């Protein structure tokens, strides 16, 4: 018991001494210590001021460089037009919005391309090149009319992506496929055509891309009035029922092989072929007599066995 009481008293004295030490006011700093502290604070303040000053100077230099680049340097010395000769150079330069003497970076390359492709519909794409000497070159790729919509009094011509090239056209070339789709909402030259069924534009673009990638020529009509039952016309004499758009790409090799075999065996055949069942081609002559045994193998060496 005495040992425990002794330990407790010792602990209490230690805590009391610690509190007294903590409560004891700090000793005043000497004159040298105060001078050293003030000098340290002054150095820190000067360092902060220098950093702020340097930052402001850098910002001003950058701003001045940008201003000079837009007003003094990188001025357009000449504008050249190359590539496909679909419009004359003066028309293209005027539509681009570029002017000799202006800064060549005033407009982005994308803005220049979009402006030309919209205002001059028969321009498919524009490659803008700038040189350090101030020369700007506009390399033009012409758009081609590949699709047409019969409006009764004339045709609306479209490129492969559905951009309207021209309207009110009286006749179309043989290599232009007619399109049957939902009602047209807008068809402004230079803009993508808009149908009542908003999916039709993308559907038409996808179908045309697949046909081109598979190198199937002589598609003379594309009917997308029902997206689940797309109908193509080949050479104005054979109707191809190809089914859903989502399965079209997988079927097109088979479709091409069937057409090649049929053209070889019966070059003047007229009628329809139903491809809605996978790897099968149900051939119907125009006389409504149906040919059976329609299976065509998926392998290239047997693709021509459609009946």
Protein backbone atom coordinates (compact mmCIF):
# COMPACT_ATOMS: atom_id res chain seq x y z
CA UNK A 1 0.00 0.00 0.00
CA UNK A 2 2.76 2.46 0.92
CA UNK A 3 4.54 1.76 -2.38
CA UNK A 4 1.32 2.46 -4.34
CA UNK A 5 0.72 5.69 -2.38
CA UNK A 6 4.33 6.75 -3.03
CA UNK A 7 3.96 6.14 -6.79
CA UNK A 8 0.71 8.09 -6.90
CA UNK A 9 2.22 11.06 -5.08
CA UNK A 10 5.24 11.02 -7.43
CA UNK A 11 2.94 10.98 -10.48
CA UNK A 12 0.92 13.89 -9.16
CA UNK A 13 4.05 15.97 -8.52
CA UNK A 14 5.26 15.25 -12.08
CA UNK A 15 1.96 16.36 -13.60
CA UNK A 16 1.95 19.53 -11.46
CA UNK A 17 5.46 20.41 -12.59
CA UNK A 18 4.49 19.81 -16.24
CA UNK A 19 1.50 22.15 -15.94
CA UNK A 20 3.64 24.84 -14.35
CA UNK A 21 6.19 24.50 -17.14
CA UNK A 22 3.47 24.75 -19.81
CA UNK A 23 1.97 27.81 -18.16
CA UNK A 24 5.32 29.51 -17.88
CA UNK A 25 5.49 32.39 -20.40
CA UNK A 26 8.00 32.08 -23.23
CA UNK A 27 11.18 33.96 -22.77
CA UNK A 28 11.33 37.18 -24.84
CA UNK A 29 13.35 36.96 -28.07
CA UNK A 30 16.64 38.73 -28.19
CA UNK A 31 17.24 41.68 -30.48
CA UNK A 32 19.30 39.55 -32.89
CA UNK A 33 16.58 36.91 -33.05
CA UNK A 34 13.92 39.55 -33.80
CA UNK A 35 16.10 41.06 -36.53
CA UNK A 36 16.69 37.63 -38.07
CA UNK A 37 12.96 36.86 -38.05
CA UNK A 38 12.08 40.16 -39.72
CA UNK A 39 14.75 39.64 -42.39
CA UNK A 40 13.36 36.15 -43.11
CA UNK A 41 9.83 37.53 -43.52
CA UNK A 42 11.11 40.28 -45.84
CA UNK A 43 12.92 37.71 -48.02
CA UNK A 44 9.78 35.57 -48.26
CA UNK A 45 7.71 38.60 -49.22
CA UNK A 46 10.21 39.67 -51.88
CA UNK A 47 10.23 36.12 -53.29
CA UNK A 48 6.43 36.09 -53.54
CA UNK A 49 6.44 39.48 -55.24
CA UNK A 50 9.04 38.30 -57.75
CA UNK A 51 6.97 35.21 -58.59
CA UNK A 52 3.86 37.31 -59.11
CA UNK A 53 5.82 39.79 -61.21
CA UNK A 54 7.34 37.10 -63.40
CA UNK A 55 3.92 35.51 -63.88
CA UNK A 56 2.38 38.79 -64.98
CA UNK A 57 5.27 39.44 -67.40
CA UNK A 58 4.92 35.94 -68.93
CA UNK A 59 1.16 36.40 -69.37
CA UNK A 60 1.72 39.77 -71.05
CA UNK A 61 4.35 38.29 -73.37
CA UNK A 62 2.02 35.45 -74.37
CA UNK A 63 -0.86 37.88 -74.94
CA UNK A 64 1.39 40.12 -77.05
CA UNK A 65 2.60 37.13 -79.09
CA UNK A 66 -0.98 36.04 -79.78
CA UNK A 67 -1.99 39.56 -80.75
CA UNK A 68 0.99 39.89 -83.09
CA UNK A 69 0.36 36.49 -84.66
CA UNK A 70 -3.22 37.50 -85.43
CA UNK A 71 -2.44 41.00 -86.72
CA UNK A 72 1.14 41.11 -88.01
CA UNK A 73 2.50 37.60 -88.55
CA UNK A 74 1.10 34.60 -90.53
CA UNK A 75 -0.78 36.72 -93.03
CA UNK A 76 -2.20 35.01 -96.11
CA UNK A 77 -0.08 35.85 -99.16
CA UNK A 78 -1.91 33.67 -101.70
CA UNK A 79 -4.80 31.18 -101.94
CA UNK A 80 -4.52 28.27 -104.39
CA UNK A 81 -7.19 25.77 -105.41
CA UNK A 82 -6.20 22.26 -106.55
CA UNK A 83 -7.91 18.92 -107.08
CA UNK A 84 -11.16 18.19 -108.87
CA UNK A 85 -12.41 20.93 -111.17
CA UNK A 86 -16.07 21.09 -110.12
CA UNK A 87 -16.30 24.84 -109.42
CA UNK A 88 -14.01 27.61 -110.63
CA UNK A 89 -11.29 28.80 -108.27
CA UNK A 90 -12.83 32.24 -107.71
CA UNK A 91 -16.10 30.71 -106.52
CA UNK A 92 -14.32 28.36 -104.12
CA UNK A 93 -12.09 31.07 -102.65
CA UNK A 94 -15.06 33.40 -102.15
CA UNK A 95 -17.08 30.66 -100.44
CA UNK A 96 -14.16 29.73 -98.14
CA UNK A 97 -14.21 33.13 -96.42
CA UNK A 98 -10.43 33.43 -96.77
CA UNK A 99 -8.87 36.71 -97.89
CA UNK A 100 -5.32 37.69 -98.79
CA UNK A 101 -3.82 39.81 -96.01
CA UNK A 102 -5.83 38.17 -93.23
CA UNK A 103 -4.32 35.88 -90.64
CA UNK A 104 -4.24 32.32 -91.91
CA UNK A 105 -5.21 30.92 -88.50
CA UNK A 106 -8.30 33.10 -88.18
CA UNK A 107 -10.46 30.11 -89.17
CA UNK A 108 -9.78 26.46 -88.38
CA UNK A 109 -9.32 23.92 -91.15
CA UNK A 110 -12.53 22.18 -90.08
CA UNK A 111 -14.52 25.42 -90.27
CA UNK A 112 -13.20 26.13 -93.77
CA UNK A 113 -14.03 22.61 -94.96
CA UNK A 114 -17.54 22.66 -93.47
CA UNK A 115 -18.25 26.06 -95.01
CA UNK A 116 -17.22 24.92 -98.48
CA UNK A 117 -18.93 21.52 -98.32
CA UNK A 118 -22.20 23.18 -97.29
CA UNK A 119 -22.23 26.24 -99.53
CA UNK A 120 -20.94 24.34 -102.59
CA UNK A 121 -22.75 20.96 -102.45
CA UNK A 122 -20.71 19.24 -105.17
CA UNK A 123 -17.61 19.49 -102.98
CA UNK A 124 -17.24 16.19 -101.15
CA UNK A 125 -14.26 17.16 -99.01
CA UNK A 126 -11.56 19.83 -98.69
CA UNK A 127 -7.99 19.38 -97.49
CA UNK A 128 -6.61 22.69 -96.24
CA UNK A 129 -2.84 23.15 -96.30
CA UNK A 130 -0.99 26.14 -94.84
CA UNK A 131 2.64 27.00 -95.47
CA UNK A 132 4.98 29.16 -93.32
CA UNK A 133 5.36 31.52 -96.28
CA UNK A 134 1.67 32.46 -96.13
CA UNK A 135 0.33 30.24 -98.91
CA UNK A 136 -3.00 28.47 -98.34
CA UNK A 137 -3.98 25.56 -100.59
CA UNK A 138 -7.50 24.17 -100.86
CA UNK A 139 -7.39 20.62 -102.28
CA UNK A 140 -10.88 19.80 -103.56
CA UNK A 141 -12.49 16.35 -103.88
CA UNK A 142 -15.70 16.43 -105.88
CA UNK A 143 -18.91 14.80 -104.69
CA UNK A 144 -20.64 12.29 -106.96
CA UNK A 145 -24.37 11.83 -107.38
CA UNK A 146 -24.99 8.19 -106.42
CA UNK A 147 -28.56 8.25 -105.11
CA UNK A 148 -31.76 9.92 -106.30
CA UNK A 149 -35.28 10.41 -104.98
CA UNK A 150 -38.11 10.78 -107.47
CA UNK A 151 -40.34 13.67 -106.37
CA UNK A 152 -42.65 13.49 -109.35
CA UNK A 153 -41.60 16.74 -111.00
CA UNK A 154 -37.91 15.93 -110.76
CA UNK A 155 -35.21 14.13 -108.82
CA UNK A 156 -33.27 15.07 -105.68
CA UNK A 157 -29.67 13.97 -106.09
CA UNK A 158 -27.68 12.71 -103.09
CA UNK A 159 -24.10 11.66 -102.53
CA UNK A 160 -23.30 8.33 -100.86
CA UNK A 161 -23.70 9.87 -97.38
CA UNK A 162 -27.11 11.39 -98.03
CA UNK A 163 -25.97 14.97 -98.64
CA UNK A 164 -28.28 16.81 -101.00
CA UNK A 165 -26.37 17.85 -104.12
CA UNK A 166 -29.15 19.21 -106.29
CA UNK A 167 -32.93 19.17 -106.65
CA UNK A 168 -35.34 19.49 -109.55
CA UNK A 169 -33.17 17.34 -111.83
CA UNK A 170 -35.11 16.07 -114.85
CA UNK A 171 -33.13 12.87 -115.52
CA UNK A 172 -30.48 10.74 -113.83
CA UNK A 173 -27.59 8.59 -115.01
CA UNK A 174 -27.84 4.81 -115.17
CA UNK A 175 -25.34 4.36 -112.32
CA UNK A 176 -27.50 6.39 -109.90
CA UNK A 177 -29.78 4.29 -107.67
CA UNK A 178 -33.26 5.55 -106.90
CA UNK A 179 -34.36 5.56 -103.26
CA UNK A 180 -37.76 4.82 -101.77
CA UNK A 181 -38.05 5.92 -98.14
CA UNK A 182 -40.35 7.76 -95.75
CA UNK A 183 -41.61 11.28 -96.47
CA UNK A 184 -38.92 13.92 -96.94
CA UNK A 185 -38.87 16.60 -94.24
CA UNK A 186 -36.06 18.79 -95.57
CA UNK A 187 -33.81 18.51 -98.62
CA UNK A 188 -31.57 21.58 -98.69
CA UNK A 189 -28.59 21.43 -101.09
CA UNK A 190 -25.42 21.14 -99.04
CA UNK A 191 -27.16 19.58 -96.03
CA UNK A 192 -27.93 15.97 -95.15
CA UNK A 193 -31.43 14.98 -96.21
CA UNK A 194 -33.96 14.52 -93.40
CA UNK A 195 -36.77 11.97 -93.59
CA UNK A 196 -39.91 11.65 -91.51
CA UNK A 197 -38.43 8.43 -90.17
CA UNK A 198 -35.21 9.80 -88.67
CA UNK A 199 -33.48 6.42 -89.00
CA UNK A 200 -33.83 6.36 -92.78
CA UNK A 201 -30.86 8.65 -93.42
CA UNK A 202 -28.44 6.45 -91.45
CA UNK A 203 -30.02 3.29 -92.85
CA UNK A 204 -29.53 4.53 -96.41
CA UNK A 205 -25.91 5.47 -95.67
CA UNK A 206 -25.20 2.05 -94.13
CA UNK A 207 -26.75 0.16 -97.05
CA UNK A 208 -24.83 2.19 -99.62
CA UNK A 209 -21.58 1.65 -97.71
CA UNK A 210 -22.14 -2.14 -97.63
CA UNK A 211 -23.01 -2.31 -101.33
CA UNK A 212 -19.86 -0.37 -102.22
CA UNK A 213 -17.60 -2.39 -99.92
CA UNK A 214 -18.83 -5.65 -101.47
CA UNK A 215 -18.42 -4.18 -104.96
CA UNK A 216 -21.94 -5.04 -106.05
CA UNK A 217 -22.70 -2.98 -109.12
CA UNK A 218 -25.98 -2.29 -110.95
CA UNK A 219 -28.11 -1.74 -107.82
CA UNK A 220 -30.77 0.49 -109.40
CA UNK A 221 -33.19 0.95 -106.49
CA UNK A 222 -33.06 0.86 -102.68
CA UNK A 223 -36.36 0.54 -100.82
CA UNK A 224 -36.16 1.21 -97.07
CA UNK A 225 -39.81 1.93 -96.34
CA UNK A 226 -39.59 -1.00 -93.92
CA UNK A 227 -36.26 -1.27 -92.11
CA UNK A 228 -37.01 -4.85 -91.19
CA UNK A 229 -37.54 -5.78 -94.83
CA UNK A 230 -35.11 -3.95 -97.12
CA UNK A 231 -35.65 -4.51 -100.84
CA UNK A 232 -32.98 -3.83 -103.48
CA UNK A 233 -33.37 -3.90 -107.25
CA UNK A 234 -30.57 -5.24 -109.40
CA UNK A 235 -30.17 -4.08 -113.01
CA UNK A 236 -33.82 -2.97 -113.10
CA UNK A 237 -34.87 -6.61 -113.52
CA UNK A 238 -34.25 -8.56 -110.32
CA UNK A 239 -35.82 -7.73 -106.94
CA UNK A 240 -33.66 -8.72 -103.98
CA UNK A 241 -35.46 -9.21 -100.68
CA UNK A 242 -32.57 -8.96 -98.20
CA UNK A 243 -34.43 -8.59 -94.89
CA UNK A 244 -33.15 -6.59 -91.93
CA UNK A 245 -30.43 -3.97 -92.24
CA UNK A 246 -28.59 -5.43 -89.23
CA UNK A 247 -27.93 -8.70 -91.12
CA UNK A 248 -27.25 -7.18 -94.53
CA UNK A 249 -23.46 -7.07 -94.36
CA UNK A 250 -23.24 -10.78 -93.51
CA UNK A 251 -25.53 -11.64 -96.45
CA UNK A 252 -23.98 -9.55 -99.20
CA UNK A 253 -21.19 -11.98 -100.14
CA UNK A 254 -23.86 -14.64 -100.56
CA UNK A 255 -26.07 -12.25 -102.54
CA UNK A 256 -23.19 -11.35 -104.87
CA UNK A 257 -22.32 -15.02 -105.47
CA UNK A 258 -25.96 -15.82 -106.24
CA UNK A 259 -26.22 -12.95 -108.74
CA UNK A 260 -22.95 -13.96 -110.43
CA UNK A 261 -24.20 -17.55 -110.84
CA UNK A 262 -27.60 -16.45 -112.10
CA UNK A 263 -26.08 -13.98 -114.58
CA UNK A 264 -23.85 -16.75 -115.88
CA UNK A 265 -26.69 -19.27 -116.28
CA UNK A 266 -29.54 -16.92 -117.22
CA UNK A 267 -28.21 -13.48 -118.17
CA UNK A 268 -31.68 -12.17 -119.05
CA UNK A 269 -33.44 -13.49 -115.96
CA UNK A 270 -36.22 -11.30 -114.58
CA UNK A 271 -37.94 -11.90 -111.26
CA UNK A 272 -37.14 -11.84 -107.56
CA UNK A 273 -34.85 -13.57 -105.08
CA UNK A 274 -35.68 -13.95 -101.40
CA UNK A 275 -32.60 -13.85 -99.15
CA UNK A 276 -34.45 -13.47 -95.85
CA UNK A 277 -33.49 -17.00 -94.76
CA UNK A 278 -29.80 -17.31 -93.95
CA UNK A 279 -27.70 -18.92 -96.71
CA UNK A 280 -30.76 -19.60 -98.86
CA UNK A 281 -31.94 -17.94 -102.05
CA UNK A 282 -35.54 -18.51 -103.11
CA UNK A 283 -35.65 -17.61 -106.78
CA UNK A 284 -38.94 -16.59 -108.38
CA UNK A 285 -39.23 -15.91 -112.09
CA UNK A 286 -41.39 -13.08 -113.33
CA UNK A 287 -43.97 -15.63 -114.48
CA UNK A 288 -44.59 -16.39 -110.78
CA UNK A 289 -43.13 -19.89 -111.24
CA UNK A 290 -41.01 -20.59 -108.18
CA UNK A 291 -37.73 -22.43 -108.39
CA UNK A 292 -37.06 -24.67 -105.39
CA UNK A 293 -33.87 -26.13 -103.91
CA UNK A 294 -32.57 -22.63 -103.09
CA UNK A 295 -29.64 -23.38 -100.80
CA UNK A 296 -26.29 -21.75 -101.53
CA UNK A 297 -23.27 -22.72 -99.44
CA UNK A 298 -21.52 -19.97 -97.51
CA UNK A 299 -18.05 -21.02 -98.69
CA UNK A 300 -16.66 -19.11 -101.71
CA UNK A 301 -16.11 -22.26 -103.79
CA UNK A 302 -19.80 -23.18 -103.56
CA UNK A 303 -21.40 -19.79 -103.54
CA UNK A 304 -22.71 -20.09 -107.06
CA UNK A 305 -25.10 -22.98 -106.40
CA UNK A 306 -28.29 -20.95 -106.08
CA UNK A 307 -31.26 -22.39 -107.92
